[in-house]
Amino acid sequence: MSANIEPLTNNTAIVAPKPSPRLKLRPPTLLPTLPTGEAVNNLYMAYRSRAHQLASDRNRCLTRAAEAWKRGDGALAKRFSREGHDLNARMSAEMGQAASKLVRERAKLAEQVVREREANWSDDYGDRAARGKTCGAGLGVCLGIASQVVSDGKKLSPEERTEAMLDLHGLHSTEATEVVEEFLLALEREHFHGLAYLVVGEEKHTGTADVARGASRARLATGIREWLHLWGYAWSERDGVICVDPLTHA
């Protein structure tokens, strides 16, 4: 697969939830409350600060290139333009690294919260051993094994009742789709047979320190839905969490 796909437009098919022929998609039963709001924003700014500085330097170079061009100094304009493009490449690389650090830091935090979850959330004897383990190439966390009640009359194995989560708070839409791709494909390689939950949030805690982030956060869930639609994954969404069957895709 490739994450470099043009987003859907109003001229394409409507992006709608798709049922799984394997498992009934449902809200998570083992997902504890995770820190959001200021906690995420502080983490976001800490990891993005270097990229923001590079972006500022890039913009200054491109402004100087435009000014030099207007003065008729082509050589100087070319020099500033070249420096601006170099800074842009460095900024993009820095943003990618920051996104990976954000996801893994959030996974580490989720791991601690999940391990401290009350045991009576599940009646499966294997839940205690399963919960809190990293999964999906280290990007996500296993929430544990859901209670038999989620089977809804159908006999499901513990593997099928296992829940995993990927926290996407603090990511831009394009970054998130790349992380989701890596996560879901890794779950498939790891022979994960349960349901995966992508935590995108409900846009209640969008940070204001980065204007570009605010616009991107508004598109995060939409971008994930479009990506899942394009690759044929079975998914549903509720309260800022997208449920995905990792074993169903084109």
C-alpha atoms as a PDB file:
ATOM      1  CA  MET A   1       0.000   0.000   0.000  1.00  0.00           C
ATOM      2  CA  SER A   2       0.975   3.619  -0.315  1.00  0.00           C
ATOM      3  CA  ALA A   3      -0.254   6.443   1.861  1.00  0.00           C
ATOM      4  CA  ASN A   4       0.397   9.011  -0.860  1.00  0.00           C
ATOM      5  CA  ILE A   5      -3.157   9.038  -2.125  1.00  0.00           C
ATOM      6  CA  GLU A   6      -5.161  12.077  -3.096  1.00  0.00           C
ATOM      7  CA  PRO A   7      -8.021  12.691  -0.638  1.00  0.00           C
ATOM      8  CA  LEU A   8     -11.553  12.090  -1.719  1.00  0.00           C
ATOM      9  CA  THR A   9     -13.530  15.006  -3.103  1.00  0.00           C
ATOM     10  CA  ASN A  10     -17.208  15.807  -3.295  1.00  0.00           C
ATOM     11  CA  ASN A  11     -17.256  14.166  -6.722  1.00  0.00           C
ATOM     12  CA  THR A  12     -16.368  10.711  -5.395  1.00  0.00           C
ATOM     13  CA  ALA A  13     -18.361   8.063  -3.580  1.00  0.00           C
ATOM     14  CA  ILE A  14     -19.718   8.937  -0.159  1.00  0.00           C
ATOM     15  CA  VAL A  15     -17.480   7.714   2.647  1.00  0.00           C
ATOM     16  CA  ALA A  16     -19.724   5.624   4.870  1.00  0.00           C
ATOM     17  CA  PRO A  17     -19.052   3.017   7.574  1.00  0.00           C
ATOM     18  CA  LYS A  18     -18.583  -0.502   6.230  1.00  0.00           C
ATOM     19  CA  PRO A  19     -19.538  -3.632   8.221  1.00  0.00           C
ATOM     20  CA  SER A  20     -17.105  -6.496   8.701  1.00  0.00           C
ATOM     21  CA  PRO A  21     -18.054  -9.948   7.381  1.00  0.00           C
ATOM     22  CA  ARG A  22     -15.914 -11.415  10.162  1.00  0.00           C
ATOM     23  CA  LEU A  23     -16.756  -9.565  13.377  1.00  0.00           C
ATOM     24  CA  LYS A  24     -19.437  -7.171  14.549  1.00  0.00           C
ATOM     25  CA  LEU A  25     -17.870  -3.722  14.816  1.00  0.00           C
ATOM     26  CA  ARG A  26     -18.579  -2.161  18.198  1.00  0.00           C
ATOM     27  CA  PRO A  27     -17.356   0.577  20.542  1.00  0.00           C
ATOM     28  CA  PRO A  28     -14.386  -0.404  22.731  1.00  0.00           C
ATOM     29  CA  THR A  29     -15.201  -1.909  26.111  1.00  0.00           C
ATOM     30  CA  LEU A  30     -11.679  -1.722  27.578  1.00  0.00           C
ATOM     31  CA  LEU A  31     -10.569   1.784  26.580  1.00  0.00           C
ATOM     32  CA  PRO A  32      -9.777   3.883  29.661  1.00  0.00           C
ATOM     33  CA  THR A  33      -9.784   7.676  29.725  1.00  0.00           C
ATOM     34  CA  LEU A  34      -6.550   9.066  28.274  1.00  0.00           C
ATOM     35  CA  PRO A  35      -5.073  12.517  28.985  1.00  0.00           C
ATOM     36  CA  THR A  36      -5.970  15.056  26.283  1.00  0.00           C
ATOM     37  CA  GLY A  37      -6.211  18.832  26.036  1.00  0.00           C
ATOM     38  CA  GLU A  38      -3.253  20.661  27.570  1.00  0.00           C
ATOM     39  CA  ALA A  39      -1.279  17.438  28.085  1.00  0.00           C
ATOM     40  CA  VAL A  40      -1.378  16.643  24.372  1.00  0.00           C
ATOM     41  CA  ASN A  41      -0.748  20.239  23.357  1.00  0.00           C
ATOM     42  CA  ASN A  42       2.363  20.485  25.554  1.00  0.00           C
ATOM     43  CA  LEU A  43       3.697  17.242  24.129  1.00  0.00           C
ATOM     44  CA  TYR A  44       2.869  18.424  20.623  1.00  0.00           C
ATOM     45  CA  MET A  45       4.741  21.706  21.024  1.00  0.00           C
ATOM     46  CA  ALA A  46       7.732  20.003  22.655  1.00  0.00           C
ATOM     47  CA  TYR A  47       8.247  17.646  19.716  1.00  0.00           C
ATOM     48  CA  ARG A  48       7.338  20.164  16.991  1.00  0.00           C
ATOM     49  CA  SER A  49       9.434  23.128  18.193  1.00  0.00           C
ATOM     50  CA  ARG A  50      12.450  22.336  15.989  1.00  0.00           C
ATOM     51  CA  ALA A  51      10.226  21.852  12.921  1.00  0.00           C
ATOM     52  CA  HIS A  52       8.492  25.171  13.623  1.00  0.00           C
ATOM     53  CA  GLN A  53      11.856  26.966  13.754  1.00  0.00           C
ATOM     54  CA  LEU A  54      12.886  25.406  10.447  1.00  0.00           C
ATOM     55  CA  ALA A  55       9.577  26.499   8.906  1.00  0.00           C
ATOM     56  CA  SER A  56      10.173  30.060  10.096  1.00  0.00           C
ATOM     57  CA  ASP A  57      13.697  30.066   8.635  1.00  0.00           C
ATOM     58  CA  ARG A  58      12.346  28.646   5.370  1.00  0.00           C
ATOM     59  CA  ASN A  59       9.728  31.356   5.085  1.00  0.00           C
ATOM     60  CA  ARG A  60      12.329  34.074   5.639  1.00  0.00           C
ATOM     61  CA  CYS A  61      14.520  32.616   2.899  1.00  0.00           C
ATOM     62  CA  LEU A  62      11.665  32.443   0.414  1.00  0.00           C
ATOM     63  CA  THR A  63      10.648  36.019   1.246  1.00  0.00           C
ATOM     64  CA  ARG A  64      14.219  37.192   0.627  1.00  0.00           C
ATOM     65  CA  ALA A  65      14.286  35.222  -2.627  1.00  0.00           C
ATOM     66  CA  ALA A  66      11.133  37.007  -3.805  1.00  0.00           C
ATOM     67  CA  GLU A  67      12.516  40.401  -2.813  1.00  0.00           C
ATOM     68  CA  ALA A  68      15.818  39.732  -4.585  1.00  0.00           C
ATOM     69  CA  TRP A  69      13.941  38.676  -7.710  1.00  0.00           C
ATOM     70  CA  LYS A  70      11.945  41.911  -7.694  1.00  0.00           C
ATOM     71  CA  ARG A  71      15.214  43.874  -7.478  1.00  0.00           C
ATOM     72  CA  GLY A  72      16.509  41.992 -10.491  1.00  0.00           C
ATOM     73  CA  ASP A  73      19.173  40.090  -8.530  1.00  0.00           C
ATOM     74  CA  GLY A  74      18.654  36.632  -9.990  1.00  0.00           C
ATOM     75  CA  ALA A  75      21.755  35.082  -8.449  1.00  0.00           C
ATOM     76  CA  LEU A  76      20.783  36.101  -4.908  1.00  0.00           C
ATOM     77  CA  ALA A  77      17.170  35.031  -5.509  1.00  0.00           C
ATOM     78  CA  LYS A  78      18.380  31.626  -6.651  1.00  0.00           C
ATOM     79  CA  ARG A  79      20.597  31.257  -3.578  1.00  0.00           C
ATOM     80  CA  PHE A  80      17.817  32.112  -1.119  1.00  0.00           C
ATOM     81  CA  SER A  81      15.376  29.896  -3.000  1.00  0.00           C
ATOM     82  CA  ARG A  82      17.786  26.963  -2.817  1.00  0.00           C
ATOM     83  CA  GLU A  83      18.296  27.523   0.915  1.00  0.00           C
ATOM     84  CA  GLY A  84      14.542  27.721   1.403  1.00  0.00           C
ATOM     85  CA  HIS A  85      13.965  24.385  -0.353  1.00  0.00           C
ATOM     86  CA  ASP A  86      16.723  22.774   1.733  1.00  0.00           C
ATOM     87  CA  LEU A  87      15.128  24.065   4.938  1.00  0.00           C
ATOM     88  CA  ASN A  88      11.752  22.788   3.764  1.00  0.00           C
ATOM     89  CA  ALA A  89      13.162  19.278   3.262  1.00  0.00           C
ATOM     90  CA  ARG A  90      14.715  19.368   6.731  1.00  0.00           C
ATOM     91  CA  MET A  91      11.442  20.614   8.199  1.00  0.00           C
ATOM     92  CA  SER A  92       9.493  17.765   6.572  1.00  0.00           C
ATOM     93  CA  ALA A  93      11.928  15.194   7.936  1.00  0.00           C
ATOM     94  CA  GLU A  94      11.752  16.769  11.389  1.00  0.00           C
ATOM     95  CA  MET A  95       7.936  16.727  11.304  1.00  0.00           C
ATOM     96  CA  GLY A  96       7.956  13.028  10.398  1.00  0.00           C
ATOM     97  CA  GLN A  97      10.267  12.216  13.290  1.00  0.00           C
ATOM     98  CA  ALA A  98       8.162  14.324  15.653  1.00  0.00           C
ATOM     99  CA  ALA A  99       4.992  12.461  14.593  1.00  0.00           C
ATOM    100  CA  SER A 100       6.621   9.092  15.301  1.00  0.00           C
ATOM    101  CA  LYS A 101       7.824  10.289  18.712  1.00  0.00           C
ATOM    102  CA  LEU A 102       4.350  11.621  19.538  1.00  0.00           C
ATOM    103  CA  VAL A 103       2.656   8.319  18.696  1.00  0.00           C
ATOM    104  CA  ARG A 104       5.146   6.249  20.661  1.00  0.00           C
ATOM    105  CA  GLU A 105       5.013   8.598  23.642  1.00  0.00           C
ATOM    106  CA  ARG A 106       1.220   8.408  23.677  1.00  0.00           C
ATOM    107  CA  ALA A 107       1.448   4.599  23.380  1.00  0.00           C
ATOM    108  CA  LYS A 108       3.769   4.508  26.391  1.00  0.00           C
ATOM    109  CA  LEU A 109       1.311   6.616  28.374  1.00  0.00           C
ATOM    110  CA  ALA A 110      -1.631   4.454  27.288  1.00  0.00           C
ATOM    111  CA  GLU A 111       0.286   1.335  28.296  1.00  0.00           C
ATOM    112  CA  GLN A 112       0.590   2.621  31.860  1.00  0.00           C
ATOM    113  CA  VAL A 113      -3.081   3.612  32.050  1.00  0.00           C
ATOM    114  CA  VAL A 114      -4.269   0.287  30.601  1.00  0.00           C
ATOM    115  CA  ARG A 115      -2.172  -1.761  33.028  1.00  0.00           C
ATOM    116  CA  GLU A 116      -3.777   0.140  35.917  1.00  0.00           C
ATOM    117  CA  ARG A 117      -7.291  -0.495  34.613  1.00  0.00           C
ATOM    118  CA  GLU A 118      -9.668  -2.261  36.989  1.00  0.00           C
ATOM    119  CA  ALA A 119      -9.612  -6.013  36.414  1.00  0.00           C
ATOM    120  CA  ASN A 120     -13.393  -6.368  36.631  1.00  0.00           C
ATOM    121  CA  TRP A 121     -13.800  -4.730  33.202  1.00  0.00           C
ATOM    122  CA  SER A 122     -13.368  -8.199  31.702  1.00  0.00           C
ATOM    123  CA  ASP A 123     -14.356 -11.705  32.760  1.00  0.00           C
ATOM    124  CA  ASP A 124     -11.736 -13.414  30.574  1.00  0.00           C
ATOM    125  CA  TYR A 125      -8.900 -15.034  32.508  1.00  0.00           C
ATOM    126  CA  GLY A 126      -6.387 -14.036  29.829  1.00  0.00           C
ATOM    127  CA  ASP A 127      -7.166 -10.323  30.034  1.00  0.00           C
ATOM    128  CA  ARG A 128      -4.659  -9.499  32.763  1.00  0.00           C
ATOM    129  CA  ALA A 129      -1.750 -10.984  30.790  1.00  0.00           C
ATOM    130  CA  ALA A 130      -2.791  -9.388  27.493  1.00  0.00           C
ATOM    131  CA  ARG A 131      -3.535  -5.836  28.528  1.00  0.00           C
ATOM    132  CA  GLY A 132      -0.810  -3.230  28.233  1.00  0.00           C
ATOM    133  CA  LYS A 133       1.311  -5.086  25.691  1.00  0.00           C
ATOM    134  CA  THR A 134       2.567  -3.072  22.720  1.00  0.00           C
ATOM    135  CA  CYS A 135       1.311  -4.098  19.289  1.00  0.00           C
ATOM    136  CA  GLY A 136       1.186  -2.894  15.699  1.00  0.00           C
ATOM    137  CA  ALA A 137       4.947  -2.386  15.315  1.00  0.00           C
ATOM    138  CA  GLY A 138       5.103  -0.719  18.724  1.00  0.00           C
ATOM    139  CA  LEU A 139       2.700   2.043  17.680  1.00  0.00           C
ATOM    140  CA  GLY A 140      -0.323   0.785  19.596  1.00  0.00           C
ATOM    141  CA  VAL A 141      -1.318  -0.937  22.812  1.00  0.00           C
ATOM    142  CA  CYS A 142      -3.357  -4.052  23.503  1.00  0.00           C
ATOM    143  CA  LEU A 143      -6.287  -3.084  25.725  1.00  0.00           C
ATOM    144  CA  GLY A 144      -6.910  -6.681  26.737  1.00  0.00           C
ATOM    145  CA  ILE A 145      -9.547  -9.329  26.077  1.00  0.00           C
ATOM    146  CA  ALA A 146     -13.145  -8.144  26.191  1.00  0.00           C
ATOM    147  CA  SER A 147     -15.812  -9.869  28.227  1.00  0.00           C
ATOM    148  CA  GLN A 148     -17.863 -12.658  26.675  1.00  0.00           C
ATOM    149  CA  VAL A 149     -20.863 -10.303  26.631  1.00  0.00           C
ATOM    150  CA  VAL A 150     -19.522  -8.609  23.457  1.00  0.00           C
ATOM    151  CA  SER A 151     -20.046 -11.851  21.544  1.00  0.00           C
ATOM    152  CA  ASP A 152     -23.730 -10.953  21.148  1.00  0.00           C
ATOM    153  CA  GLY A 153     -24.803 -14.590  20.985  1.00  0.00           C
ATOM    154  CA  LYS A 154     -21.959 -15.594  18.636  1.00  0.00           C
ATOM    155  CA  LYS A 155     -19.143 -17.686  20.042  1.00  0.00           C
ATOM    156  CA  LEU A 156     -15.942 -15.673  19.727  1.00  0.00           C
ATOM    157  CA  SER A 157     -12.460 -16.791  20.664  1.00  0.00           C
ATOM    158  CA  PRO A 158     -10.330 -14.744  23.081  1.00  0.00           C
ATOM    159  CA  GLU A 159      -8.240 -13.654  20.081  1.00  0.00           C
ATOM    160  CA  GLU A 160     -11.358 -12.312  18.366  1.00  0.00           C
ATOM    161  CA  ARG A 161     -12.415 -10.465  21.523  1.00  0.00           C
ATOM    162  CA  THR A 162      -9.012  -8.813  21.908  1.00  0.00           C
ATOM    163  CA  GLU A 163      -9.001  -5.011  21.577  1.00  0.00           C
ATOM    164  CA  ALA A 164      -6.065  -2.832  20.480  1.00  0.00           C
ATOM    165  CA  MET A 165      -5.768   0.944  20.254  1.00  0.00           C
ATOM    166  CA  LEU A 166      -3.734   3.536  18.375  1.00  0.00           C
ATOM    167  CA  ASP A 167      -3.762   7.084  19.765  1.00  0.00           C
ATOM    168  CA  LEU A 168      -3.583   9.690  16.987  1.00  0.00           C
ATOM    169  CA  HIS A 169      -3.936  12.802  19.140  1.00  0.00           C
ATOM    170  CA  GLY A 170      -1.535  15.541  18.046  1.00  0.00           C
ATOM    171  CA  LEU A 171      -1.010  14.314  14.472  1.00  0.00           C
ATOM    172  CA  HIS A 172      -1.813  16.034  11.209  1.00  0.00           C
ATOM    173  CA  SER A 173      -4.065  14.175   8.776  1.00  0.00           C
ATOM    174  CA  THR A 174      -1.341  13.103   6.327  1.00  0.00           C
ATOM    175  CA  GLU A 175       0.918  11.929   9.143  1.00  0.00           C
ATOM    176  CA  ALA A 176      -1.930  10.001  10.736  1.00  0.00           C
ATOM    177  CA  THR A 177      -2.767   8.036   7.577  1.00  0.00           C
ATOM    178  CA  GLU A 178       0.850   6.911   7.277  1.00  0.00           C
ATOM    179  CA  VAL A 179       0.889   5.813  10.910  1.00  0.00           C
ATOM    180  CA  VAL A 180      -2.472   4.034  10.548  1.00  0.00           C
ATOM    181  CA  GLU A 181      -1.202   2.146   7.501  1.00  0.00           C
ATOM    182  CA  GLU A 182       1.892   0.954   9.345  1.00  0.00           C
ATOM    183  CA  PHE A 183      -0.156   0.035  12.412  1.00  0.00           C
ATOM    184  CA  LEU A 184      -2.876  -1.964  10.640  1.00  0.00           C
ATOM    185  CA  LEU A 185      -0.478  -3.845   8.361  1.00  0.00           C
ATOM    186  CA  ALA A 186       1.704  -4.667  11.362  1.00  0.00           C
ATOM    187  CA  LEU A 187      -1.335  -6.039  13.238  1.00  0.00           C
ATOM    188  CA  GLU A 188      -2.033  -8.302  10.266  1.00  0.00           C
ATOM    189  CA  ARG A 189       1.578  -9.552  10.264  1.00  0.00           C
ATOM    190  CA  GLU A 190       1.316 -10.119  14.020  1.00  0.00           C
ATOM    191  CA  HIS A 191      -1.747 -12.340  13.439  1.00  0.00           C
ATOM    192  CA  PHE A 192      -4.011 -10.051  15.418  1.00  0.00           C
ATOM    193  CA  HIS A 193      -7.616 -11.276  15.113  1.00  0.00           C
ATOM    194  CA  GLY A 194      -9.487  -8.739  17.224  1.00  0.00           C
ATOM    195  CA  LEU A 195     -10.638  -5.173  16.613  1.00  0.00           C
ATOM    196  CA  ALA A 196      -8.427  -2.089  16.413  1.00  0.00           C
ATOM    197  CA  TYR A 197      -9.521   1.309  17.720  1.00  0.00           C
ATOM    198  CA  LEU A 198      -8.099   4.519  16.268  1.00  0.00           C
ATOM    199  CA  VAL A 199      -8.478   7.359  18.766  1.00  0.00           C
ATOM    200  CA  VAL A 200      -8.924  10.578  16.786  1.00  0.00           C
ATOM    201  CA  GLY A 201     -10.753  12.665  19.403  1.00  0.00           C
ATOM    202  CA  GLU A 202     -13.812  14.865  19.082  1.00  0.00           C
ATOM    203  CA  GLU A 203     -12.010  18.149  18.268  1.00  0.00           C
ATOM    204  CA  LYS A 204     -12.698  19.472  21.771  1.00  0.00           C
ATOM    205  CA  HIS A 205      -9.072  20.127  22.690  1.00  0.00           C
ATOM    206  CA  THR A 206      -7.444  21.478  19.542  1.00  0.00           C
ATOM    207  CA  GLY A 207      -4.376  23.500  20.460  1.00  0.00           C
ATOM    208  CA  THR A 208      -4.174  27.166  19.500  1.00  0.00           C
ATOM    209  CA  ALA A 209      -0.399  27.559  19.617  1.00  0.00           C
ATOM    210  CA  ASP A 210      -0.044  26.298  16.050  1.00  0.00           C
ATOM    211  CA  VAL A 211      -2.520  27.707  13.528  1.00  0.00           C
ATOM    212  CA  ALA A 212      -1.668  25.046  10.938  1.00  0.00           C
ATOM    213  CA  ARG A 213      -2.361  22.322  13.467  1.00  0.00           C
ATOM    214  CA  GLY A 214      -5.835  23.642  14.169  1.00  0.00           C
ATOM    215  CA  ALA A 215      -6.833  23.333  10.519  1.00  0.00           C
ATOM    216  CA  SER A 216      -5.273  19.886  10.268  1.00  0.00           C
ATOM    217  CA  ARG A 217      -6.934  18.568  13.429  1.00  0.00           C
ATOM    218  CA  ALA A 218     -10.295  19.453  11.949  1.00  0.00           C
ATOM    219  CA  ARG A 219      -9.441  17.134   9.046  1.00  0.00           C
ATOM    220  CA  LEU A 220      -7.865  14.297  11.031  1.00  0.00           C
ATOM    221  CA  ALA A 221     -10.898  12.032  11.363  1.00  0.00           C
ATOM    222  CA  THR A 222     -12.019  12.822   7.817  1.00  0.00           C
ATOM    223  CA  GLY A 223      -8.612  11.888   6.425  1.00  0.00           C
ATOM    224  CA  ILE A 224      -8.604   8.579   8.301  1.00  0.00           C
ATOM    225  CA  ARG A 225     -12.121   7.723   7.111  1.00  0.00           C
ATOM    226  CA  GLU A 226     -11.154   8.454   3.508  1.00  0.00           C
ATOM    227  CA  TRP A 227      -8.040   6.313   3.751  1.00  0.00           C
ATOM    228  CA  LEU A 228      -9.969   3.376   5.240  1.00  0.00           C
ATOM    229  CA  HIS A 229     -12.604   3.758   2.517  1.00  0.00           C
ATOM    230  CA  LEU A 230      -9.993   3.750  -0.260  1.00  0.00           C
ATOM    231  CA  TRP A 231      -8.377   0.571   1.040  1.00  0.00           C
ATOM    232  CA  GLY A 232     -11.668  -1.203   1.683  1.00  0.00           C
ATOM    233  CA  TYR A 233     -11.345  -1.648   5.441  1.00  0.00           C
ATOM    234  CA  ALA A 234     -14.429  -2.414   7.506  1.00  0.00           C
ATOM    235  CA  TRP A 235     -14.921   0.413   9.995  1.00  0.00           C
ATOM    236  CA  SER A 236     -17.380   2.292  12.173  1.00  0.00           C
ATOM    237  CA  GLU A 237     -17.063   5.393  14.339  1.00  0.00           C
ATOM    238  CA  ARG A 238     -18.426   6.664  17.616  1.00  0.00           C
ATOM    239  CA  ASP A 239     -17.399   9.399  20.058  1.00  0.00           C
ATOM    240  CA  GLY A 240     -14.068  10.166  18.427  1.00  0.00           C
ATOM    241  CA  VAL A 241     -12.985   6.515  18.124  1.00  0.00           C
ATOM    242  CA  ILE A 242     -12.867   4.632  14.821  1.00  0.00           C
ATOM    243  CA  CYS A 243     -13.246   0.849  15.055  1.00  0.00           C
ATOM    244  CA  VAL A 244     -11.434  -1.120  12.325  1.00  0.00           C
ATOM    245  CA  ASP A 245     -11.219  -4.780  11.414  1.00  0.00           C
ATOM    246  CA  PRO A 246      -7.525  -5.083  10.389  1.00  0.00           C
ATOM    247  CA  LEU A 247      -8.165  -8.301   8.458  1.00  0.00           C
ATOM    248  CA  THR A 248     -10.537  -6.681   5.951  1.00  0.00           C
ATOM    249  CA  HIS A 249      -8.964  -4.571   3.214  1.00  0.00           C
ATOM    250  CA  ALA A 250      -8.677  -4.489  -0.548  1.00  0.00           C
END
